[in-house]
Protein backbone atom coordinates (compact mmCIF):
# COMPACT_ATOMS: atom_id res chain seq x y z
CA MET A 1 0.20 -0.13 0.11
CA LYS A 2 1.67 3.40 -1.11
CA LEU A 3 1.58 6.24 1.18
CA GLN A 4 1.11 9.85 -0.41
CA HIS A 5 1.89 13.23 1.06
CA HIS A 6 -1.03 16.03 0.56
CA GLY A 7 0.29 19.76 1.24
CA ASN A 8 1.45 19.47 4.72
CA PRO A 9 4.31 16.91 4.99
CA THR A 10 3.47 15.87 8.39
CA THR A 11 -0.06 14.78 7.15
CA ILE A 12 0.49 11.23 5.61
CA GLN A 13 -3.07 9.78 3.92
CA TRP A 14 -3.29 6.18 2.41
CA THR A 15 -3.96 5.85 -1.29
CA ARG A 16 -7.89 5.73 -1.33
CA THR A 17 -8.37 3.34 -4.36
CA ARG A 18 -6.96 0.38 -1.94
CA CYS A 19 -9.79 1.02 0.29
CA PRO A 20 -13.60 0.69 -0.73
CA CYS A 21 -14.73 2.36 2.19
CA TYR A 22 -13.74 5.72 1.06
CA LYS A 23 -16.16 5.08 -1.91
CA HIS A 24 -19.56 6.49 -1.44
CA SER A 25 -21.39 3.33 -2.32
CA VAL A 26 -19.95 1.78 1.00
CA PHE A 27 -21.79 4.02 2.89
CA SER A 28 -24.98 4.52 0.93
CA LYS A 29 -27.22 2.92 3.10
CA THR A 30 -28.75 3.57 6.83
CA ILE A 31 -30.29 0.97 8.87
CA SER A 32 -31.98 1.40 12.00
CA ASP A 33 -31.23 -2.54 13.64
CA ARG A 34 -27.58 -3.27 13.18
CA PHE A 35 -28.46 -6.95 13.74
CA GLU A 36 -29.80 -7.09 9.97
CA VAL A 37 -26.04 -6.72 9.29
CA ILE A 38 -24.61 -8.86 11.86
CA ALA A 39 -27.31 -12.01 11.29
CA PRO A 40 -25.70 -13.23 7.77
CA TYR A 41 -22.25 -13.51 9.48
CA ILE A 42 -23.05 -15.42 12.75
CA LYS A 43 -25.25 -18.30 11.20
CA ASP A 44 -22.02 -20.75 11.23
CA GLY A 45 -18.89 -21.37 12.51
CA GLN A 46 -17.07 -19.91 15.98
CA ILE A 47 -18.35 -16.46 16.94
CA LEU A 48 -16.85 -13.87 19.33
CA ASP A 49 -19.34 -11.35 21.06
CA LEU A 50 -17.07 -8.51 22.94
CA GLY A 51 -18.36 -6.26 25.29
CA CYS A 52 -21.44 -8.26 26.30
CA VAL A 53 -22.15 -6.43 29.32
CA ASP A 54 -23.81 -3.33 29.71
CA SER A 55 -21.03 -0.54 30.62
CA ARG A 56 -22.29 1.17 33.41
CA PRO A 57 -21.36 -0.69 36.70
CA ALA A 58 -21.67 2.60 38.70
CA LYS A 59 -25.29 3.10 38.26
CA HIS A 60 -26.96 -0.77 38.55
CA SER A 61 -26.04 -3.93 39.85
CA ALA A 62 -24.76 -6.54 36.89
CA GLN A 63 -28.36 -8.42 37.34
CA GLU A 64 -30.30 -5.02 36.72
CA ARG A 65 -28.03 -3.68 33.92
CA ILE A 66 -28.75 -7.20 31.99
CA ASP A 67 -32.26 -7.39 32.82
CA HIS A 68 -32.84 -3.79 31.47
CA LYS A 69 -31.64 -5.10 27.92
CA PRO A 70 -33.88 -7.98 27.15
CA ASN A 71 -32.86 -7.83 23.35
CA MET A 72 -28.83 -7.65 24.20
CA LEU A 73 -27.11 -8.50 21.43
CA LEU A 74 -25.34 -11.51 22.95
CA LYS A 75 -28.87 -12.90 23.19
CA ARG A 76 -29.70 -12.63 19.65
CA ILE A 77 -26.42 -13.75 18.56
CA VAL A 78 -26.65 -17.11 21.03
CA GLU A 79 -30.26 -17.31 19.24
CA LEU A 80 -28.49 -17.94 15.63
CA ASN A 81 -25.51 -19.79 16.73
CA LYS A 82 -25.05 -21.19 20.25
CA ASN A 83 -21.15 -21.24 19.23
CA THR A 84 -20.69 -18.05 20.47
CA LEU A 85 -18.32 -16.98 23.34
CA GLY A 86 -18.98 -13.38 25.40
CA ILE A 87 -16.31 -11.40 26.52
CA ASP A 88 -16.51 -8.42 28.75
CA ILE A 89 -14.09 -6.94 31.77
CA ASP A 90 -17.03 -6.59 34.18
CA PRO A 91 -16.58 -9.70 36.34
CA ALA A 92 -20.17 -9.45 38.02
CA GLY A 93 -21.74 -9.06 34.77
CA ILE A 94 -20.19 -12.34 33.42
CA GLU A 95 -21.12 -14.25 36.32
CA VAL A 96 -24.64 -13.32 35.73
CA LEU A 97 -24.30 -14.47 32.24
CA LYS A 98 -22.77 -17.45 33.25
CA SER A 99 -25.60 -18.41 35.43
CA MET A 100 -28.05 -17.68 32.94
CA GLY A 101 -26.46 -20.55 30.60
CA TYR A 102 -24.34 -18.48 28.25
CA SER A 103 -20.56 -19.00 27.27
CA ALA A 104 -18.87 -16.21 28.74
CA GLN A 105 -15.60 -14.97 30.02
CA CYS A 106 -13.73 -12.15 31.89
CA ALA A 107 -10.94 -10.86 30.05
CA ASP A 108 -9.44 -7.71 28.49
CA VAL A 109 -9.86 -7.22 24.99
CA GLU A 110 -6.87 -5.49 24.25
CA THR A 111 -4.36 -7.94 25.82
CA MET A 112 -6.44 -11.58 26.25
CA ASP A 113 -5.43 -14.72 24.70
CA LEU A 114 -7.93 -17.03 24.05
CA GLY A 115 -5.77 -19.83 22.52
CA LYS A 116 -8.17 -20.30 19.52
CA GLN A 117 -9.71 -18.14 16.23
CA PHE A 118 -12.77 -17.20 15.53
CA ASP A 119 -15.02 -16.96 12.11
CA THR A 120 -16.65 -13.66 13.09
CA ILE A 121 -16.05 -11.35 16.02
CA ILE A 122 -18.36 -8.43 16.85
CA ALA A 123 -17.53 -5.59 18.98
CA GLY A 124 -20.89 -3.54 19.50
CA GLU A 125 -20.39 -0.34 20.66
CA LEU A 126 -17.07 -0.99 22.43
CA ILE A 127 -14.16 0.41 20.81
CA GLU A 128 -15.04 4.19 22.10
CA HIS A 129 -14.62 2.47 25.49
CA LEU A 130 -11.15 1.52 24.96
CA GLU A 131 -7.71 2.94 26.16
CA ASN A 132 -6.01 1.41 22.98
CA PRO A 133 -7.99 0.87 19.96
CA GLY A 134 -4.99 -0.14 17.85
CA LEU A 135 -4.09 -2.53 20.56
CA PHE A 136 -7.09 -3.94 20.68
CA LEU A 137 -7.51 -4.59 16.72
CA ARG A 138 -3.94 -6.26 16.73
CA ASN A 139 -5.38 -8.33 19.26
CA MET A 140 -8.56 -9.19 17.04
CA HIS A 141 -6.21 -10.02 13.98
CA ARG A 142 -4.67 -12.59 15.85
CA HIS A 143 -8.19 -14.04 17.02
CA LEU A 144 -9.74 -14.11 13.76
CA LYS A 145 -9.03 -16.82 11.33
CA PRO A 146 -7.70 -15.49 7.75
CA THR A 147 -10.93 -15.85 6.15
CA GLY A 148 -13.12 -14.31 9.07
CA THR A 149 -14.75 -11.10 9.55
CA LEU A 150 -14.58 -8.23 12.09
CA ILE A 151 -17.94 -6.38 12.61
CA ILE A 152 -17.34 -3.16 14.81
CA SER A 153 -20.08 -0.53 15.78
CA THR A 154 -19.89 2.89 17.45
CA PRO A 155 -21.47 5.96 17.97
CA ASN A 156 -21.12 8.74 15.42
CA PRO A 157 -19.12 11.76 16.92
CA PHE A 158 -20.98 14.25 14.14
CA TYR A 159 -24.42 12.63 15.21
CA GLN A 160 -27.05 15.39 14.84
CA GLY A 161 -28.63 15.07 17.96
CA GLN A 162 -25.12 16.34 19.75
CA SER A 163 -25.53 19.93 18.14
CA TRP A 164 -28.84 20.16 19.55
CA LYS A 165 -27.49 19.03 22.81
CA ILE A 166 -24.70 21.39 22.60
CA TRP A 167 -26.99 24.58 22.22
CA ARG A 168 -29.29 23.76 24.83
CA TYR A 169 -26.91 22.41 27.56
CA GLY A 170 -23.60 23.88 26.19
CA ARG A 171 -22.01 20.50 25.91
CA PRO A 172 -22.47 16.98 24.07
CA MET A 173 -23.46 14.04 25.81
CA VAL A 174 -20.67 11.89 26.51
CA HIS A 175 -21.08 8.70 27.91
CA GLU A 176 -18.71 8.90 31.47
CA ASP A 177 -16.90 5.71 30.42
CA HIS A 178 -15.79 6.77 26.70
CA THR A 179 -12.23 7.47 26.10
CA ASN A 180 -12.34 8.24 22.05
CA TRP A 181 -14.36 9.02 19.26
CA GLN A 182 -14.10 6.99 15.80
CA ASP A 183 -15.76 8.27 12.51
CA PRO A 184 -15.48 6.27 9.14
CA THR A 185 -12.06 8.02 8.11
CA THR A 186 -10.35 7.20 11.44
CA LEU A 187 -11.65 3.75 11.98
CA THR A 188 -10.53 2.93 8.60
CA GLN A 189 -7.14 4.24 9.15
CA LEU A 190 -6.88 2.05 12.19
CA PHE A 191 -7.96 -1.07 10.13
CA LEU A 192 -5.45 -0.45 7.43
CA ARG A 193 -2.49 0.26 10.05
CA THR A 194 -3.26 -2.98 12.06
CA GLY A 195 -3.63 -5.47 9.13
CA PHE A 196 -7.37 -5.19 8.18
CA GLU A 197 -9.26 -4.46 4.62
CA PRO A 198 -12.62 -2.75 5.49
CA PHE A 199 -14.96 -3.84 2.83
CA GLU A 200 -18.53 -2.90 4.00
CA GLY A 201 -20.13 0.05 5.98
CA TYR A 202 -23.36 1.27 7.07
CA TRP A 203 -24.85 4.50 9.01
CA VAL A 204 -27.12 3.21 11.77
CA GLN A 205 -29.64 5.35 12.99
CA PRO A 206 -32.32 3.94 15.69
CA PRO A 207 -35.86 5.46 15.44
CA ARG A 208 -35.63 9.20 16.67
CA SER A 209 -37.74 12.34 16.74
CA THR A 210 -37.37 14.01 12.98
CA LEU A 211 -37.29 17.42 14.88
CA LYS A 212 -34.06 16.38 16.36
CA THR A 213 -32.37 14.15 13.57
CA TRP A 214 -33.67 15.97 10.68
CA LYS A 215 -29.92 17.01 9.39
CA ARG A 216 -29.18 13.43 8.66
CA LEU A 217 -32.08 13.04 6.11
CA PHE A 218 -30.00 15.15 3.85
CA ARG A 219 -26.72 14.63 4.93
CA PRO A 220 -26.41 10.55 6.65
CA TYR A 221 -22.87 11.96 8.18
CA PHE A 222 -24.88 13.10 10.75
CA ALA A 223 -26.50 9.53 11.79
CA HIS A 224 -26.38 8.32 15.33
CA GLY A 225 -24.08 5.98 14.69
CA PHE A 226 -22.25 3.68 12.22
CA MET A 227 -20.71 0.06 11.28
CA MET A 228 -17.91 -1.41 9.49
CA LEU A 229 -16.95 -4.69 8.63
CA ALA A 230 -13.40 -5.70 8.04
CA ARG A 231 -11.47 -8.76 6.98
CA PRO A 232 -7.66 -9.67 7.51
CA ARG A 233 -5.43 -8.23 4.86
CA PRO A 234 -3.64 -11.32 2.98
């Protein structure tokens, strides 16, 4: 992959022709439920679901957080494929999931070594909580089969509702556990630097008040979140 300098010599940009996710067609679709994209990739094989416990331990007990999410992603994945392992750094939440019959393990996704590879790895709304996103992606490269797929979804920092909150409250709404923001450009850059080739992307917009989200009707970049799919680069 070639590197090109554009203007400022300290600014390096990957050659866009090598990355399909730079093309508008990849992000031409907005979906309301990320699971419609995930489902085809989890019907067979070994599945790894990362961040399977809600991340607000200071507000509720593990049991309350899990009970509050009857349609949690891990449950929906297991309904399609029982060969699914859930990973989270929350030990109390993992114990609750195990008591409910799920295969789950407490581990740090940046440094863990599970001793096996998976066909599909899903990280739903996780990367924005991590201290070292690049370290995480390199570790997922080691855990993903050469023909496997990594699926990441994350909030969009340019979500139109944030500008409304800034006007009303003087600041955006930021989850107390978030450490970083990603957008399609920065996440593509991370994928490429850590040995992945992104090949598909979607804007994610759950049903919201049109009054607060009207901008995304004209510019999808104002959508609530997005998801990207990537494979290990040969």
